[in-house]
Amino acid sequence: MKSTINFEDFSAVDLRVGTIIKVDDFPEARNPAYQLTIDFGELGVKKTSAQITTLYTKDELLKRQIVAVVNFPKKQVAKFMSECLVLGAVKDKDVMLLHPEQRIKNGTSVL
């Protein structure tokens, strides 16, 4: 377990639901990855990369809702600018995406 944080630390993280609207291969990445374009409703569209190629095809990801951190600073990944961080759980070194059980409005806060 990591060190204990206070509620203010946690509340500073902006977790939102978004829908993947575009999936591209990312051949420049060090490890196999996709480039994802995600619609966060009123927050707009953000891009990120994710090393999720072993469990998901591009077709399986398209129109899938996910949970992401949307208030990290932008980060350069190879020749690509990542604008958010998609959340997942690690199973046998593979990442399984976290997602709502039912369709929900894009941009909805996760508490």
N, C-alpha and C. Protein backbone atom coordinates (compact mmCIF):
# COMPACT_ATOMS: atom_id res chain seq x y z
N MET A 1 0.84 -1.17 0.00
CA MET A 1 0.00 0.00 0.00
C MET A 1 0.89 1.24 0.00
N LYS A 2 0.44 2.26 -0.73
CA LYS A 2 1.18 3.52 -0.77
C LYS A 2 0.91 4.33 0.49
N SER A 3 1.63 5.42 0.65
CA SER A 3 1.46 6.24 1.85
C SER A 3 0.06 6.85 1.90
N THR A 4 -0.38 7.15 3.11
CA THR A 4 -1.70 7.72 3.34
C THR A 4 -1.76 9.15 2.82
N ILE A 5 -2.87 9.51 2.18
CA ILE A 5 -3.09 10.88 1.74
C ILE A 5 -4.32 11.42 2.45
N ASN A 6 -4.49 12.72 2.39
CA ASN A 6 -5.69 13.29 3.00
C ASN A 6 -6.76 13.51 1.92
N PHE A 7 -7.96 13.83 2.34
CA PHE A 7 -9.07 13.98 1.41
C PHE A 7 -8.81 15.09 0.40
N GLU A 8 -8.15 16.16 0.83
CA GLU A 8 -7.85 17.27 -0.09
C GLU A 8 -6.96 16.80 -1.25
N ASP A 9 -6.01 15.91 -0.96
CA ASP A 9 -5.17 15.36 -2.02
C ASP A 9 -6.03 14.61 -3.04
N PHE A 10 -6.91 13.75 -2.53
CA PHE A 10 -7.76 12.96 -3.42
C PHE A 10 -8.72 13.85 -4.20
N SER A 11 -9.30 14.83 -3.54
CA SER A 11 -10.30 15.67 -4.21
C SER A 11 -9.69 16.55 -5.29
N ALA A 12 -8.37 16.71 -5.31
CA ALA A 12 -7.70 17.47 -6.35
C ALA A 12 -7.65 16.71 -7.68
N VAL A 13 -7.84 15.39 -7.63
CA VAL A 13 -7.82 14.56 -8.85
C VAL A 13 -9.20 14.63 -9.50
N ASP A 14 -9.24 15.06 -10.76
CA ASP A 14 -10.50 15.20 -11.49
C ASP A 14 -10.72 13.96 -12.36
N LEU A 15 -11.55 13.03 -11.85
CA LEU A 15 -11.87 11.80 -12.57
C LEU A 15 -13.18 12.00 -13.31
N ARG A 16 -13.19 11.68 -14.60
CA ARG A 16 -14.38 11.87 -15.42
C ARG A 16 -14.60 10.66 -16.33
N VAL A 17 -15.87 10.51 -16.73
CA VAL A 17 -16.25 9.49 -17.70
C VAL A 17 -16.19 10.10 -19.09
N GLY A 18 -15.65 9.34 -20.02
CA GLY A 18 -15.60 9.77 -21.41
C GLY A 18 -15.82 8.58 -22.34
N THR A 19 -16.11 8.88 -23.60
CA THR A 19 -16.32 7.85 -24.62
C THR A 19 -15.20 7.92 -25.65
N ILE A 20 -14.59 6.78 -25.92
CA ILE A 20 -13.53 6.70 -26.92
C ILE A 20 -14.18 6.86 -28.30
N ILE A 21 -13.74 7.89 -29.03
CA ILE A 21 -14.34 8.16 -30.34
C ILE A 21 -13.38 7.86 -31.51
N LYS A 22 -12.10 7.62 -31.19
CA LYS A 22 -11.14 7.29 -32.24
C LYS A 22 -10.01 6.49 -31.62
N VAL A 23 -9.54 5.47 -32.35
CA VAL A 23 -8.43 4.63 -31.89
C VAL A 23 -7.46 4.46 -33.04
N ASP A 24 -6.20 4.81 -32.79
CA ASP A 24 -5.16 4.66 -33.80
C ASP A 24 -4.01 3.84 -33.24
N ASP A 25 -3.29 3.16 -34.13
CA ASP A 25 -2.06 2.49 -33.73
C ASP A 25 -1.05 3.56 -33.33
N PHE A 26 -0.08 3.17 -32.50
CA PHE A 26 0.95 4.09 -32.03
C PHE A 26 2.31 3.40 -32.20
N PRO A 27 2.78 3.30 -33.45
CA PRO A 27 4.02 2.55 -33.70
C PRO A 27 5.26 3.18 -33.09
N GLU A 28 5.23 4.48 -32.77
CA GLU A 28 6.40 5.14 -32.18
C GLU A 28 6.57 4.84 -30.68
N ALA A 29 5.57 4.30 -30.05
CA ALA A 29 5.64 4.01 -28.62
C ALA A 29 6.66 2.92 -28.33
N ARG A 30 7.31 3.02 -27.17
CA ARG A 30 8.29 2.01 -26.78
C ARG A 30 7.66 0.64 -26.61
N ASN A 31 6.48 0.60 -25.99
CA ASN A 31 5.73 -0.64 -25.81
C ASN A 31 4.46 -0.53 -26.64
N PRO A 32 3.91 -1.66 -27.10
CA PRO A 32 2.70 -1.60 -27.93
C PRO A 32 1.60 -0.78 -27.25
N ALA A 33 1.03 0.16 -28.01
CA ALA A 33 0.02 1.06 -27.45
C ALA A 33 -0.90 1.57 -28.55
N TYR A 34 -2.02 2.12 -28.12
CA TYR A 34 -2.94 2.82 -29.01
C TYR A 34 -2.94 4.29 -28.65
N GLN A 35 -3.27 5.12 -29.63
CA GLN A 35 -3.60 6.52 -29.38
C GLN A 35 -5.11 6.61 -29.32
N LEU A 36 -5.64 7.16 -28.24
CA LEU A 36 -7.08 7.25 -28.04
C LEU A 36 -7.53 8.70 -28.09
N THR A 37 -8.64 8.95 -28.74
CA THR A 37 -9.30 10.24 -28.71
C THR A 37 -10.60 10.04 -27.95
N ILE A 38 -10.82 10.84 -26.90
CA ILE A 38 -11.91 10.60 -25.95
C ILE A 38 -12.77 11.85 -25.82
N ASP A 39 -14.08 11.66 -25.93
CA ASP A 39 -15.05 12.75 -25.77
C ASP A 39 -15.47 12.84 -24.31
N PHE A 40 -15.17 13.99 -23.68
CA PHE A 40 -15.56 14.22 -22.29
C PHE A 40 -16.70 15.23 -22.18
N GLY A 41 -17.57 15.28 -23.18
CA GLY A 41 -18.74 16.15 -23.13
C GLY A 41 -18.34 17.61 -23.06
N GLU A 42 -18.85 18.33 -22.06
CA GLU A 42 -18.60 19.76 -21.92
C GLU A 42 -17.12 20.09 -21.71
N LEU A 43 -16.33 19.12 -21.27
CA LEU A 43 -14.89 19.34 -21.09
C LEU A 43 -14.14 19.28 -22.41
N GLY A 44 -14.79 18.78 -23.44
CA GLY A 44 -14.17 18.68 -24.76
C GLY A 44 -13.56 17.32 -25.04
N VAL A 45 -12.78 17.28 -26.08
CA VAL A 45 -12.14 16.05 -26.55
C VAL A 45 -10.68 16.09 -26.15
N LYS A 46 -10.19 14.98 -25.59
CA LYS A 46 -8.79 14.89 -25.17
C LYS A 46 -8.18 13.62 -25.76
N LYS A 47 -6.86 13.65 -25.90
CA LYS A 47 -6.14 12.51 -26.45
C LYS A 47 -5.21 11.93 -25.41
N THR A 48 -4.96 10.64 -25.54
CA THR A 48 -4.00 9.97 -24.67
C THR A 48 -3.49 8.72 -25.38
N SER A 49 -2.47 8.11 -24.82
CA SER A 49 -2.01 6.81 -25.31
C SER A 49 -2.20 5.80 -24.19
N ALA A 50 -2.38 4.55 -24.57
CA ALA A 50 -2.60 3.50 -23.56
C ALA A 50 -2.03 2.19 -24.05
N GLN A 51 -1.32 1.52 -23.15
CA GLN A 51 -0.73 0.21 -23.46
C GLN A 51 -1.76 -0.88 -23.16
N ILE A 52 -2.74 -0.99 -24.02
CA ILE A 52 -3.86 -1.91 -23.80
C ILE A 52 -4.09 -2.81 -25.01
N THR A 53 -3.07 -2.99 -25.82
CA THR A 53 -3.23 -3.73 -27.08
C THR A 53 -3.39 -5.24 -26.88
N THR A 54 -2.98 -5.77 -25.73
CA THR A 54 -3.07 -7.22 -25.55
C THR A 54 -4.49 -7.67 -25.20
N LEU A 55 -5.28 -6.81 -24.56
CA LEU A 55 -6.64 -7.19 -24.15
C LEU A 55 -7.74 -6.60 -25.03
N TYR A 56 -7.41 -5.57 -25.83
CA TYR A 56 -8.45 -4.88 -26.59
C TYR A 56 -8.03 -4.67 -28.04
N THR A 57 -8.98 -4.87 -28.95
CA THR A 57 -8.77 -4.49 -30.34
C THR A 57 -9.26 -3.06 -30.51
N LYS A 58 -8.90 -2.45 -31.61
CA LYS A 58 -9.37 -1.09 -31.88
C LYS A 58 -10.89 -1.05 -31.96
N ASP A 59 -11.48 -2.05 -32.59
CA ASP A 59 -12.95 -2.09 -32.71
C ASP A 59 -13.63 -2.22 -31.35
N GLU A 60 -13.04 -3.00 -30.44
CA GLU A 60 -13.62 -3.16 -29.10
C GLU A 60 -13.58 -1.87 -28.29
N LEU A 61 -12.61 -1.03 -28.57
CA LEU A 61 -12.45 0.20 -27.81
C LEU A 61 -13.35 1.33 -28.31
N LEU A 62 -13.64 1.33 -29.59
CA LEU A 62 -14.45 2.39 -30.18
C LEU A 62 -15.83 2.44 -29.54
N LYS A 63 -16.25 3.59 -29.09
CA LYS A 63 -17.53 3.87 -28.44
C LYS A 63 -17.61 3.32 -27.01
N ARG A 64 -16.50 2.84 -26.47
CA ARG A 64 -16.47 2.33 -25.10
C ARG A 64 -16.30 3.50 -24.14
N GLN A 65 -17.05 3.49 -23.05
CA GLN A 65 -16.88 4.50 -22.03
C GLN A 65 -15.78 4.05 -21.07
N ILE A 66 -15.01 5.04 -20.60
CA ILE A 66 -13.88 4.78 -19.71
C ILE A 66 -13.86 5.83 -18.61
N VAL A 67 -12.97 5.65 -17.64
CA VAL A 67 -12.73 6.63 -16.59
C VAL A 67 -11.30 7.13 -16.77
N ALA A 68 -11.13 8.46 -16.65
CA ALA A 68 -9.80 9.04 -16.84
C ALA A 68 -9.58 10.22 -15.90
N VAL A 69 -8.31 10.48 -15.61
CA VAL A 69 -7.91 11.70 -14.91
C VAL A 69 -7.75 12.77 -16.00
N VAL A 70 -8.48 13.89 -15.84
CA VAL A 70 -8.45 14.91 -16.89
C VAL A 70 -7.69 16.18 -16.49
N ASN A 71 -7.16 16.23 -15.27
CA ASN A 71 -6.48 17.46 -14.86
C ASN A 71 -4.98 17.29 -14.61
N PHE A 72 -4.36 16.28 -15.20
CA PHE A 72 -2.91 16.20 -15.21
C PHE A 72 -2.38 17.17 -16.27
N PRO A 73 -1.15 17.65 -16.12
CA PRO A 73 -0.57 18.46 -17.19
C PRO A 73 -0.32 17.58 -18.42
N LYS A 74 -0.29 18.20 -19.59
CA LYS A 74 0.00 17.46 -20.81
C LYS A 74 1.38 16.83 -20.70
N LYS A 75 1.53 15.66 -21.36
CA LYS A 75 2.80 14.92 -21.30
C LYS A 75 3.16 14.44 -22.69
N GLN A 76 4.40 14.68 -23.08
CA GLN A 76 4.89 14.23 -24.38
C GLN A 76 5.24 12.75 -24.30
N VAL A 77 4.64 11.94 -25.18
CA VAL A 77 4.94 10.52 -25.29
C VAL A 77 5.35 10.27 -26.73
N ALA A 78 6.64 10.05 -26.96
CA ALA A 78 7.19 9.97 -28.32
C ALA A 78 6.82 11.26 -29.04
N LYS A 79 6.17 11.16 -30.20
CA LYS A 79 5.79 12.37 -30.95
C LYS A 79 4.32 12.75 -30.69
N PHE A 80 3.78 12.31 -29.58
CA PHE A 80 2.36 12.45 -29.28
C PHE A 80 2.18 13.17 -27.94
N MET A 81 1.21 14.09 -27.87
CA MET A 81 0.94 14.83 -26.64
C MET A 81 -0.26 14.21 -25.93
N SER A 82 -0.03 13.63 -24.76
CA SER A 82 -1.09 13.01 -23.96
C SER A 82 -1.73 14.08 -23.09
N GLU A 83 -3.08 14.11 -23.08
CA GLU A 83 -3.82 15.16 -22.36
C GLU A 83 -4.63 14.64 -21.18
N CYS A 84 -4.66 13.33 -20.99
CA CYS A 84 -5.39 12.74 -19.86
C CYS A 84 -4.79 11.36 -19.58
N LEU A 85 -5.26 10.73 -18.51
CA LEU A 85 -4.75 9.41 -18.14
C LEU A 85 -5.93 8.46 -17.94
N VAL A 86 -6.04 7.47 -18.81
CA VAL A 86 -7.10 6.47 -18.70
C VAL A 86 -6.75 5.52 -17.57
N LEU A 87 -7.75 5.16 -16.76
CA LEU A 87 -7.51 4.30 -15.60
C LEU A 87 -7.80 2.85 -15.92
N GLY A 88 -6.99 1.97 -15.33
CA GLY A 88 -7.18 0.55 -15.51
C GLY A 88 -6.60 -0.21 -14.34
N ALA A 89 -6.95 -1.47 -14.27
CA ALA A 89 -6.42 -2.37 -13.25
C ALA A 89 -5.50 -3.37 -13.94
N VAL A 90 -4.41 -3.73 -13.28
CA VAL A 90 -3.43 -4.64 -13.88
C VAL A 90 -3.76 -6.07 -13.50
N LYS A 91 -3.85 -6.91 -14.53
CA LYS A 91 -4.08 -8.34 -14.35
C LYS A 91 -3.03 -9.08 -15.19
N ASP A 92 -2.15 -9.81 -14.52
CA ASP A 92 -1.11 -10.57 -15.23
C ASP A 92 -0.35 -9.69 -16.22
N LYS A 93 0.03 -8.48 -15.80
CA LYS A 93 0.80 -7.52 -16.59
C LYS A 93 0.00 -6.84 -17.70
N ASP A 94 -1.28 -7.15 -17.84
CA ASP A 94 -2.14 -6.50 -18.83
C ASP A 94 -3.07 -5.53 -18.12
N VAL A 95 -3.43 -4.45 -18.80
CA VAL A 95 -4.29 -3.42 -18.22
C VAL A 95 -5.73 -3.60 -18.68
N MET A 96 -6.64 -3.75 -17.70
CA MET A 96 -8.08 -3.82 -17.97
C MET A 96 -8.67 -2.45 -17.63
N LEU A 97 -9.37 -1.85 -18.58
CA LEU A 97 -9.91 -0.51 -18.39
C LEU A 97 -11.02 -0.47 -17.36
N LEU A 98 -11.04 0.59 -16.56
CA LEU A 98 -12.15 0.84 -15.64
C LEU A 98 -13.24 1.56 -16.43
N HIS A 99 -14.49 1.20 -16.17
CA HIS A 99 -15.59 1.81 -16.92
C HIS A 99 -16.88 1.75 -16.11
N PRO A 100 -17.83 2.66 -16.39
CA PRO A 100 -19.12 2.59 -15.70
C PRO A 100 -19.91 1.36 -16.14
N GLU A 101 -20.77 0.87 -15.26
CA GLU A 101 -21.58 -0.31 -15.57
C GLU A 101 -22.66 -0.01 -16.60
N GLN A 102 -23.13 1.22 -16.63
CA GLN A 102 -24.18 1.64 -17.57
C GLN A 102 -23.71 2.88 -18.31
N ARG A 103 -24.30 3.14 -19.49
CA ARG A 103 -23.98 4.36 -20.22
C ARG A 103 -24.32 5.56 -19.35
N ILE A 104 -23.46 6.56 -19.38
CA ILE A 104 -23.64 7.77 -18.58
C ILE A 104 -23.16 8.95 -19.41
N LYS A 105 -23.62 10.12 -19.08
CA LYS A 105 -23.25 11.33 -19.83
C LYS A 105 -21.74 11.55 -19.78
N ASN A 106 -21.15 11.81 -20.94
CA ASN A 106 -19.72 12.12 -21.02
C ASN A 106 -19.42 13.35 -20.18
N GLY A 107 -18.32 13.28 -19.42
CA GLY A 107 -17.92 14.38 -18.56
C GLY A 107 -18.39 14.23 -17.14
N THR A 108 -19.21 13.21 -16.87
CA THR A 108 -19.70 12.99 -15.51
C THR A 108 -18.53 12.75 -14.55
N SER A 109 -18.57 13.40 -13.39
CA SER A 109 -17.53 13.23 -12.38
C SER A 109 -17.61 11.85 -11.74
N VAL A 110 -16.45 11.32 -11.39
CA VAL A 110 -16.36 10.06 -10.65
C VAL A 110 -15.92 10.43 -9.25
N LEU A 111 -16.69 9.98 -8.26
CA LEU A 111 -16.40 10.32 -6.87
C LEU A 111 -15.80 9.16 -6.13
